[in-house]
C-alpha atoms as a PDB file:
ATOM      1  CA  UNK A   1     256.725  82.478 141.004  1.00  0.00           C
ATOM      2  CA  UNK A   2     253.291  80.835 140.833  1.00  0.00           C
ATOM      3  CA  UNK A   3     251.540  80.563 137.490  1.00  0.00           C
ATOM      4  CA  UNK A   4     249.270  83.601 137.298  1.00  0.00           C
ATOM      5  CA  UNK A   5     248.683  83.370 133.539  1.00  0.00           C
ATOM      6  CA  UNK A   6     251.162  86.215 133.051  1.00  0.00           C
ATOM      7  CA  UNK A   7     251.571  88.108 129.808  1.00  0.00           C
ATOM      8  CA  UNK A   8     249.452  85.586 127.892  1.00  0.00           C
ATOM      9  CA  UNK A   9     246.333  87.209 129.338  1.00  0.00           C
ATOM     10  CA  UNK A  10     247.436  90.623 128.061  1.00  0.00           C
ATOM     11  CA  UNK A  11     247.398  89.843 124.350  1.00  0.00           C
ATOM     12  CA  UNK A  12     243.838  91.159 124.159  1.00  0.00           C
ATOM     13  CA  UNK A  13     242.770  94.476 122.566  1.00  0.00           C
ATOM     14  CA  UNK A  14     243.935  97.463 124.577  1.00  0.00           C
ATOM     15  CA  UNK A  15     240.393  98.793 124.665  1.00  0.00           C
ATOM     16  CA  UNK A  16     239.282  95.728 126.652  1.00  0.00           C
ATOM     17  CA  UNK A  17     241.974  96.407 129.239  1.00  0.00           C
ATOM     18  CA  UNK A  18     240.910 100.065 129.352  1.00  0.00           C
ATOM     19  CA  UNK A  19     237.379  99.015 130.283  1.00  0.00           C
ATOM     20  CA  UNK A  20     238.596  96.454 132.832  1.00  0.00           C
ATOM     21  CA  UNK A  21     241.513  97.639 135.003  1.00  0.00           C
ATOM     22  CA  UNK A  22     242.385 100.661 132.905  1.00  0.00           C
ATOM     23  CA  UNK A  23     239.493 102.578 134.475  1.00  0.00           C
ATOM     24  CA  UNK A  24     241.602 102.906 137.592  1.00  0.00           C
ATOM     25  CA  UNK A  25     244.856 103.569 135.754  1.00  0.00           C
ATOM     26  CA  UNK A  26     245.052 107.343 135.562  1.00  0.00           C
ATOM     27  CA  UNK A  27     244.170 107.979 139.193  1.00  0.00           C
ATOM     28  CA  UNK A  28     246.583 105.287 140.377  1.00  0.00           C
ATOM     29  CA  UNK A  29     249.341 106.624 138.113  1.00  0.00           C
ATOM     30  CA  UNK A  30     249.076 110.065 139.670  1.00  0.00           C
ATOM     31  CA  UNK A  31     249.482 108.496 143.102  1.00  0.00           C
ATOM     32  CA  UNK A  32     252.556 106.551 141.960  1.00  0.00           C
ATOM     33  CA  UNK A  33     254.127 109.687 140.474  1.00  0.00           C
ATOM     34  CA  UNK A  34     253.542 111.613 143.694  1.00  0.00           C
ATOM     35  CA  UNK A  35     254.890 108.808 145.898  1.00  0.00           C
ATOM     36  CA  UNK A  36     258.028 108.513 143.757  1.00  0.00           C
ATOM     37  CA  UNK A  37     258.706 112.246 143.976  1.00  0.00           C
ATOM     38  CA  UNK A  38     258.726 112.807 140.222  1.00  0.00           C
ATOM     39  CA  UNK A  39     259.471 116.439 139.366  1.00  0.00           C
ATOM     40  CA  UNK A  40     259.626 118.363 136.101  1.00  0.00           C
ATOM     41  CA  UNK A  41     262.946 117.966 134.335  1.00  0.00           C
ATOM     42  CA  UNK A  42     263.404 114.334 135.400  1.00  0.00           C
ATOM     43  CA  UNK A  43     263.764 111.362 133.070  1.00  0.00           C
ATOM     44  CA  UNK A  44     261.334 108.532 133.867  1.00  0.00           C
ATOM     45  CA  UNK A  45     260.835 104.951 132.710  1.00  0.00           C
ATOM     46  CA  UNK A  46     257.467 103.180 132.791  1.00  0.00           C
ATOM     47  CA  UNK A  47     258.164  99.462 133.215  1.00  0.00           C
ATOM     48  CA  UNK A  48     255.326  97.296 131.893  1.00  0.00           C
ATOM     49  CA  UNK A  49     253.423 100.248 130.486  1.00  0.00           C
ATOM     50  CA  UNK A  50     250.419  98.343 129.117  1.00  0.00           C
ATOM     51  CA  UNK A  51     248.305 100.618 126.904  1.00  0.00           C
ATOM     52  CA  UNK A  52     249.865 103.640 128.586  1.00  0.00           C
ATOM     53  CA  UNK A  53     248.035 104.780 131.735  1.00  0.00           C
ATOM     54  CA  UNK A  54     251.165 105.620 133.747  1.00  0.00           C
ATOM     55  CA  UNK A  55     253.112 106.824 130.705  1.00  0.00           C
ATOM     56  CA  UNK A  56     250.273 109.233 129.878  1.00  0.00           C
ATOM     57  CA  UNK A  57     250.450 110.803 133.317  1.00  0.00           C
ATOM     58  CA  UNK A  58     254.250 110.938 133.158  1.00  0.00           C
ATOM     59  CA  UNK A  59     254.030 112.801 129.845  1.00  0.00           C
ATOM     60  CA  UNK A  60     251.605 115.255 131.417  1.00  0.00           C
ATOM     61  CA  UNK A  61     254.087 115.850 134.239  1.00  0.00           C
ATOM     62  CA  UNK A  62     257.381 115.771 132.322  1.00  0.00           C
ATOM     63  CA  UNK A  63     256.808 116.009 128.564  1.00  0.00           C
ATOM     64  CA  UNK A  64     257.118 113.133 126.096  1.00  0.00           C
ATOM     65  CA  UNK A  65     260.865 113.648 125.542  1.00  0.00           C
ATOM     66  CA  UNK A  66     261.432 112.827 129.231  1.00  0.00           C
ATOM     67  CA  UNK A  67     259.520 109.523 129.231  1.00  0.00           C
ATOM     68  CA  UNK A  68     260.342 106.031 127.968  1.00  0.00           C
ATOM     69  CA  UNK A  69     258.382 102.813 128.362  1.00  0.00           C
ATOM     70  CA  UNK A  70     258.733  99.063 127.983  1.00  0.00           C
ATOM     71  CA  UNK A  71     256.013  96.442 127.645  1.00  0.00           C
ATOM     72  CA  UNK A  72     256.262  92.694 126.873  1.00  0.00           C
ATOM     73  CA  UNK A  73     252.830  92.531 125.189  1.00  0.00           C
ATOM     74  CA  UNK A  74     253.179  93.674 121.570  1.00  0.00           C
ATOM     75  CA  UNK A  75     249.495  94.730 121.231  1.00  0.00           C
ATOM     76  CA  UNK A  76     249.699  96.834 124.384  1.00  0.00           C
ATOM     77  CA  UNK A  77     253.056  98.357 123.363  1.00  0.00           C
ATOM     78  CA  UNK A  78     251.599  99.312 119.991  1.00  0.00           C
ATOM     79  CA  UNK A  79     248.588 100.893 121.700  1.00  0.00           C
ATOM     80  CA  UNK A  80     250.918 102.925 123.916  1.00  0.00           C
ATOM     81  CA  UNK A  81     252.934 104.085 120.880  1.00  0.00           C
ATOM     82  CA  UNK A  82     249.753 105.088 119.087  1.00  0.00           C
ATOM     83  CA  UNK A  83     248.474 107.049 122.066  1.00  0.00           C
ATOM     84  CA  UNK A  84     251.846 108.638 122.924  1.00  0.00           C
ATOM     85  CA  UNK A  85     253.726 108.997 119.622  1.00  0.00           C
ATOM     86  CA  UNK A  86     256.488 111.093 121.175  1.00  0.00           C
ATOM     87  CA  UNK A  87     257.447 108.430 123.735  1.00  0.00           C
ATOM     88  CA  UNK A  88     260.051 105.742 123.082  1.00  0.00           C
ATOM     89  CA  UNK A  89     258.193 102.473 123.664  1.00  0.00           C
ATOM     90  CA  UNK A  90     260.088  99.187 123.449  1.00  0.00           C
ATOM     91  CA  UNK A  91     258.749  95.640 123.467  1.00  0.00           C
ATOM     92  CA  UNK A  92     260.834  94.238 126.301  1.00  0.00           C
ATOM     93  CA  UNK A  93     260.595  92.485 129.643  1.00  0.00           C
ATOM     94  CA  UNK A  94     261.330  94.137 132.973  1.00  0.00           C
ATOM     95  CA  UNK A  95     264.050  91.560 133.596  1.00  0.00           C
ATOM     96  CA  UNK A  96     266.059  92.763 130.558  1.00  0.00           C
ATOM     97  CA  UNK A  97     265.582  96.513 130.182  1.00  0.00           C
ATOM     98  CA  UNK A  98     267.098  97.834 126.918  1.00  0.00           C
ATOM     99  CA  UNK A  99     268.760 100.849 128.545  1.00  0.00           C
ATOM    100  CA  UNK A 100     272.153 101.627 129.985  1.00  0.00           C
ATOM    101  CA  UNK A 101     273.032 101.945 133.647  1.00  0.00           C
ATOM    102  CA  UNK A 102     271.830 105.095 135.447  1.00  0.00           C
ATOM    103  CA  UNK A 103     269.771 106.350 132.486  1.00  0.00           C
ATOM    104  CA  UNK A 104     266.700 107.536 134.419  1.00  0.00           C
ATOM    105  CA  UNK A 105     265.837 109.519 137.521  1.00  0.00           C
ATOM    106  CA  UNK A 106     262.820 107.297 138.173  1.00  0.00           C
ATOM    107  CA  UNK A 107     261.851 103.733 137.228  1.00  0.00           C
ATOM    108  CA  UNK A 108     258.188 103.013 137.916  1.00  0.00           C
ATOM    109  CA  UNK A 109     256.042  99.901 137.522  1.00  0.00           C
ATOM    110  CA  UNK A 110     252.262 100.040 137.846  1.00  0.00           C
ATOM    111  CA  UNK A 111     250.365  96.755 138.407  1.00  0.00           C
ATOM    112  CA  UNK A 112     253.205  94.803 136.794  1.00  0.00           C
ATOM    113  CA  UNK A 113     255.390  93.358 139.541  1.00  0.00           C
ATOM    114  CA  UNK A 114     253.385  90.169 140.073  1.00  0.00           C
ATOM    115  CA  UNK A 115     253.315  89.453 136.331  1.00  0.00           C
ATOM    116  CA  UNK A 116     257.081  89.534 135.892  1.00  0.00           C
ATOM    117  CA  UNK A 117     258.656  86.153 135.236  1.00  0.00           C
ATOM    118  CA  UNK A 118     261.228  87.025 137.912  1.00  0.00           C
ATOM    119  CA  UNK A 119     260.215  89.989 140.095  1.00  0.00           C
ATOM    120  CA  UNK A 120     263.565  90.017 141.891  1.00  0.00           C
ATOM    121  CA  UNK A 121     265.391  90.356 138.590  1.00  0.00           C
ATOM    122  CA  UNK A 122     262.898  93.012 137.511  1.00  0.00           C
ATOM    123  CA  UNK A 123     263.567  95.028 140.661  1.00  0.00           C
ATOM    124  CA  UNK A 124     267.328  94.727 140.094  1.00  0.00           C
ATOM    125  CA  UNK A 125     266.966  95.960 136.529  1.00  0.00           C
ATOM    126  CA  UNK A 126     264.829  98.898 137.600  1.00  0.00           C
ATOM    127  CA  UNK A 127     267.533  99.839 140.106  1.00  0.00           C
ATOM    128  CA  UNK A 128     270.286  99.381 137.498  1.00  0.00           C
ATOM    129  CA  UNK A 129     268.801 101.910 135.090  1.00  0.00           C
ATOM    130  CA  UNK A 130     268.123 104.475 137.851  1.00  0.00           C
ATOM    131  CA  UNK A 131     270.643 107.144 138.751  1.00  0.00           C
ATOM    132  CA  UNK A 132     271.889 107.437 142.349  1.00  0.00           C
ATOM    133  CA  UNK A 133     269.464 109.625 144.262  1.00  0.00           C
ATOM    134  CA  UNK A 134     266.558 108.632 142.015  1.00  0.00           C
ATOM    135  CA  UNK A 135     263.623 106.460 142.967  1.00  0.00           C
ATOM    136  CA  UNK A 136     262.384 103.003 142.064  1.00  0.00           C
ATOM    137  CA  UNK A 137     258.673 102.435 142.705  1.00  0.00           C
ATOM    138  CA  UNK A 138     255.967  99.867 142.086  1.00  0.00           C
ATOM    139  CA  UNK A 139     252.230  99.708 142.729  1.00  0.00           C
ATOM    140  CA  UNK A 140     250.264  96.491 143.253  1.00  0.00           C
ATOM    141  CA  UNK A 141     246.639  95.872 144.127  1.00  0.00           C
ATOM    142  CA  UNK A 142     245.582  94.895 147.622  1.00  0.00           C
ATOM    143  CA  UNK A 143     244.273  91.636 146.164  1.00  0.00           C
ATOM    144  CA  UNK A 144     243.574  90.110 149.569  1.00  0.00           C
ATOM    145  CA  UNK A 145     241.523  92.986 150.888  1.00  0.00           C
ATOM    146  CA  UNK A 146     240.309  96.258 149.479  1.00  0.00           C
ATOM    147  CA  UNK A 147     240.606  95.910 145.689  1.00  0.00           C
ATOM    148  CA  UNK A 148     236.828  95.608 145.565  1.00  0.00           C
ATOM    149  CA  UNK A 149     236.344  94.345 142.007  1.00  0.00           C
ATOM    150  CA  UNK A 150     238.922  91.552 142.111  1.00  0.00           C
ATOM    151  CA  UNK A 151     238.176  90.552 145.713  1.00  0.00           C
ATOM    152  CA  UNK A 152     234.471  90.238 144.880  1.00  0.00           C
ATOM    153  CA  UNK A 153     235.239  88.403 141.637  1.00  0.00           C
ATOM    154  CA  UNK A 154     237.351  85.676 143.228  1.00  0.00           C
ATOM    155  CA  UNK A 155     234.948  85.258 146.153  1.00  0.00           C
ATOM    156  CA  UNK A 156     232.135  84.817 143.633  1.00  0.00           C
ATOM    157  CA  UNK A 157     234.241  82.407 141.569  1.00  0.00           C
ATOM    158  CA  UNK A 158     234.919  80.252 144.640  1.00  0.00           C
ATOM    159  CA  UNK A 159     231.192  80.257 145.361  1.00  0.00           C
ATOM    160  CA  UNK A 160     230.494  78.983 141.826  1.00  0.00           C
ATOM    161  CA  UNK A 161     233.418  76.535 141.897  1.00  0.00           C
ATOM    162  CA  UNK A 162     235.490  75.933 145.084  1.00  0.00           C
ATOM    163  CA  UNK A 163     238.462  74.874 142.932  1.00  0.00           C
ATOM    164  CA  UNK A 164     238.702  78.461 141.667  1.00  0.00           C
ATOM    165  CA  UNK A 165     240.138  79.472 145.049  1.00  0.00           C
ATOM    166  CA  UNK A 166     243.488  78.205 143.814  1.00  0.00           C
ATOM    167  CA  UNK A 167     243.495  80.877 141.103  1.00  0.00           C
ATOM    168  CA  UNK A 168     242.534  83.694 143.473  1.00  0.00           C
ATOM    169  CA  UNK A 169     245.003  86.547 142.930  1.00  0.00           C
ATOM    170  CA  UNK A 170     245.009  87.142 146.667  1.00  0.00           C
ATOM    171  CA  UNK A 171     246.649  83.727 146.974  1.00  0.00           C
ATOM    172  CA  UNK A 172     248.625  83.427 143.746  1.00  0.00           C
ATOM    173  CA  UNK A 173     250.284  86.848 143.739  1.00  0.00           C
ATOM    174  CA  UNK A 174     253.400  86.739 145.949  1.00  0.00           C
ATOM    175  CA  UNK A 175     253.799  90.512 146.235  1.00  0.00           C
ATOM    176  CA  UNK A 176     250.471  91.901 147.384  1.00  0.00           C
ATOM    177  CA  UNK A 177     251.145  92.821 151.015  1.00  0.00           C
ATOM    178  CA  UNK A 178     253.220  95.650 152.533  1.00  0.00           C
ATOM    179  CA  UNK A 179     255.589  93.195 154.194  1.00  0.00           C
ATOM    180  CA  UNK A 180     256.293  91.291 150.977  1.00  0.00           C
ATOM    181  CA  UNK A 181     256.885  94.488 149.007  1.00  0.00           C
ATOM    182  CA  UNK A 182     259.126  95.956 151.692  1.00  0.00           C
ATOM    183  CA  UNK A 183     261.162  92.749 151.838  1.00  0.00           C
ATOM    184  CA  UNK A 184     261.609  92.652 148.051  1.00  0.00           C
ATOM    185  CA  UNK A 185     262.783  96.255 147.827  1.00  0.00           C
ATOM    186  CA  UNK A 186     265.105  96.068 150.856  1.00  0.00           C
ATOM    187  CA  UNK A 187     266.678  92.876 149.453  1.00  0.00           C
ATOM    188  CA  UNK A 188     267.461  94.625 146.157  1.00  0.00           C
ATOM    189  CA  UNK A 189     271.072  95.796 146.187  1.00  0.00           C
ATOM    190  CA  UNK A 190     271.401  99.541 145.906  1.00  0.00           C
ATOM    191  CA  UNK A 191     267.940 100.476 147.193  1.00  0.00           C
ATOM    192  CA  UNK A 192     267.499 102.256 150.504  1.00  0.00           C
ATOM    193  CA  UNK A 193     265.014 104.404 152.380  1.00  0.00           C
ATOM    194  CA  UNK A 194     262.268 101.918 151.467  1.00  0.00           C
ATOM    195  CA  UNK A 195     258.697 102.777 152.340  1.00  0.00           C
ATOM    196  CA  UNK A 196     255.301 101.255 151.536  1.00  0.00           C
ATOM    197  CA  UNK A 197     252.040 103.189 151.636  1.00  0.00           C
ATOM    198  CA  UNK A 198     248.379 102.495 150.775  1.00  0.00           C
ATOM    199  CA  UNK A 199     246.405 104.537 148.261  1.00  0.00           C
ATOM    200  CA  UNK A 200     242.732 104.355 147.362  1.00  0.00           C
ATOM    201  CA  UNK A 201     241.321 105.079 143.910  1.00  0.00           C
ATOM    202  CA  UNK A 202     237.926 104.443 142.331  1.00  0.00           C
ATOM    203  CA  UNK A 203     236.214 103.704 139.021  1.00  0.00           C
ATOM    204  CA  UNK A 204     232.709 104.397 137.757  1.00  0.00           C
ATOM    205  CA  UNK A 205     230.487 101.941 135.893  1.00  0.00           C
ATOM    206  CA  UNK A 206     227.331 102.616 133.910  1.00  0.00           C
ATOM    207  CA  UNK A 207     225.794  99.360 135.138  1.00  0.00           C
ATOM    208  CA  UNK A 208     226.787  95.771 135.888  1.00  0.00           C
ATOM    209  CA  UNK A 209     227.078  94.851 132.197  1.00  0.00           C
ATOM    210  CA  UNK A 210     229.603  97.663 131.788  1.00  0.00           C
ATOM    211  CA  UNK A 211     231.738  95.909 134.410  1.00  0.00           C
ATOM    212  CA  UNK A 212     231.130  92.361 133.215  1.00  0.00           C
ATOM    213  CA  UNK A 213     231.691  92.613 129.443  1.00  0.00           C
ATOM    214  CA  UNK A 214     235.470  93.172 129.600  1.00  0.00           C
ATOM    215  CA  UNK A 215     235.861  90.094 131.808  1.00  0.00           C
ATOM    216  CA  UNK A 216     234.427  87.905 129.063  1.00  0.00           C
ATOM    217  CA  UNK A 217     237.192  89.064 126.698  1.00  0.00           C
ATOM    218  CA  UNK A 218     239.777  87.324 128.883  1.00  0.00           C
ATOM    219  CA  UNK A 219     241.932  90.197 130.177  1.00  0.00           C
ATOM    220  CA  UNK A 220     244.126  89.321 133.173  1.00  0.00           C
ATOM    221  CA  UNK A 221     243.779  86.270 135.427  1.00  0.00           C
ATOM    222  CA  UNK A 222     240.171  87.080 136.343  1.00  0.00           C
ATOM    223  CA  UNK A 223     239.165  87.546 132.730  1.00  0.00           C
ATOM    224  CA  UNK A 224     241.025  84.410 131.674  1.00  0.00           C
ATOM    225  CA  UNK A 225     239.100  82.434 134.266  1.00  0.00           C
ATOM    226  CA  UNK A 226     235.730  83.887 133.244  1.00  0.00           C
ATOM    227  CA  UNK A 227     236.427  83.271 129.545  1.00  0.00           C
ATOM    228  CA  UNK A 228     237.388  79.648 130.254  1.00  0.00           C
ATOM    229  CA  UNK A 229     233.925  78.788 131.592  1.00  0.00           C
ATOM    230  CA  UNK A 230     231.016  77.468 129.592  1.00  0.00           C
ATOM    231  CA  UNK A 231     228.254  79.979 128.924  1.00  0.00           C
ATOM    232  CA  UNK A 232     225.947  78.549 131.646  1.00  0.00           C
ATOM    233  CA  UNK A 233     228.710  78.593 134.268  1.00  0.00           C
ATOM    234  CA  UNK A 234     229.731  82.098 133.232  1.00  0.00           C
ATOM    235  CA  UNK A 235     226.138  83.207 133.787  1.00  0.00           C
ATOM    236  CA  UNK A 236     226.162  81.691 137.284  1.00  0.00           C
ATOM    237  CA  UNK A 237     229.440  83.497 138.039  1.00  0.00           C
ATOM    238  CA  UNK A 238     228.050  86.790 136.733  1.00  0.00           C
ATOM    239  CA  UNK A 239     224.981  86.445 138.966  1.00  0.00           C
ATOM    240  CA  UNK A 240     227.150  85.685 142.003  1.00  0.00           C
ATOM    241  CA  UNK A 241     229.337  88.706 141.299  1.00  0.00           C
ATOM    242  CA  UNK A 242     226.318  90.943 140.725  1.00  0.00           C
ATOM    243  CA  UNK A 243     224.917  89.962 144.119  1.00  0.00           C
ATOM    244  CA  UNK A 244     228.209  90.759 145.836  1.00  0.00           C
ATOM    245  CA  UNK A 245     228.628  94.142 144.203  1.00  0.00           C
ATOM    246  CA  UNK A 246     224.987  95.145 144.380  1.00  0.00           C
ATOM    247  CA  UNK A 247     225.073  96.689 140.912  1.00  0.00           C
ATOM    248  CA  UNK A 248     222.535  96.030 138.174  1.00  0.00           C
ATOM    249  CA  UNK A 249     221.008  98.625 135.845  1.00  0.00           C
ATOM    250  CA  UNK A 250     222.156 101.744 137.705  1.00  0.00           C
ATOM    251  CA  UNK A 251     225.534 103.528 137.664  1.00  0.00           C
ATOM    252  CA  UNK A 252     227.829 102.687 140.559  1.00  0.00           C
ATOM    253  CA  UNK A 253     231.369 103.261 141.784  1.00  0.00           C
ATOM    254  CA  UNK A 254     233.921 100.792 143.157  1.00  0.00           C
ATOM    255  CA  UNK A 255     236.929 101.637 145.299  1.00  0.00           C
ATOM    256  CA  UNK A 256     240.292  99.942 144.923  1.00  0.00           C
ATOM    257  CA  UNK A 257     243.249  99.956 147.294  1.00  0.00           C
ATOM    258  CA  UNK A 258     246.803  99.581 146.093  1.00  0.00           C
ATOM    259  CA  UNK A 259     250.146  99.411 147.868  1.00  0.00           C
ATOM    260  CA  UNK A 260     252.989 101.577 146.578  1.00  0.00           C
ATOM    261  CA  UNK A 261     256.587 100.688 147.440  1.00  0.00           C
ATOM    262  CA  UNK A 262     259.312 103.265 146.872  1.00  0.00           C
ATOM    263  CA  UNK A 263     263.066 102.961 147.334  1.00  0.00           C
ATOM    264  CA  UNK A 264     265.881 105.437 146.726  1.00  0.00           C
ATOM    265  CA  UNK A 265     268.787 104.420 144.500  1.00  0.00           C
ATOM    266  CA  UNK A 266     272.058 104.590 146.426  1.00  0.00           C
END
């Protein structure tokens, strides 16, 4: 897959991720759980759990003894363990899940698919650990359209530097459209009844600085790009993004669309 900076951009403090994309995490997790048909009594795996947004909502729905999680970033895995001490959290990649066949009723991945080294292998592993009749689901941002923050960021970055267009997540992420997600799931042996649906969530910001500060820490591809710039160029980028979002010293809200793909294990 294209170089999207991958797990290297997720070695930052969990709190920085919380303030960046994590603001959307709980609301999106509840949508993923609903789309996957998770019900009390089920066993669920959070693949690429990060600091624990989806795992937290799974615990609320199922109890911590019914939830496990894996995460390749050691700092994020440790944050998830600290926040959810009753959950088994392993440092592992999606492509090599440390669980036996048919262990879980649901395998879920939130905002992780495009950061896997091999998404096809990750999808196969998620299916392998899911019992027949269970569901395998993933959520990804609508990078090309209605994920407002990231769409505005990369448009502003291209305005500041046309070469930044090559790092635009709407271009570099291979699985960010319904067709691509549907094709990946239907090509995964043992998955059927595949469906893709849009969901919209939102996040609140105190002001523009509240949005901008986490980007300077270097979280994710957008943050990595912002952090790579000199201070003067970063200021130009911040001004361009501020103009696009219309936020300054007042609280504001941004919407974000994601696509959720769900398949049933056969």
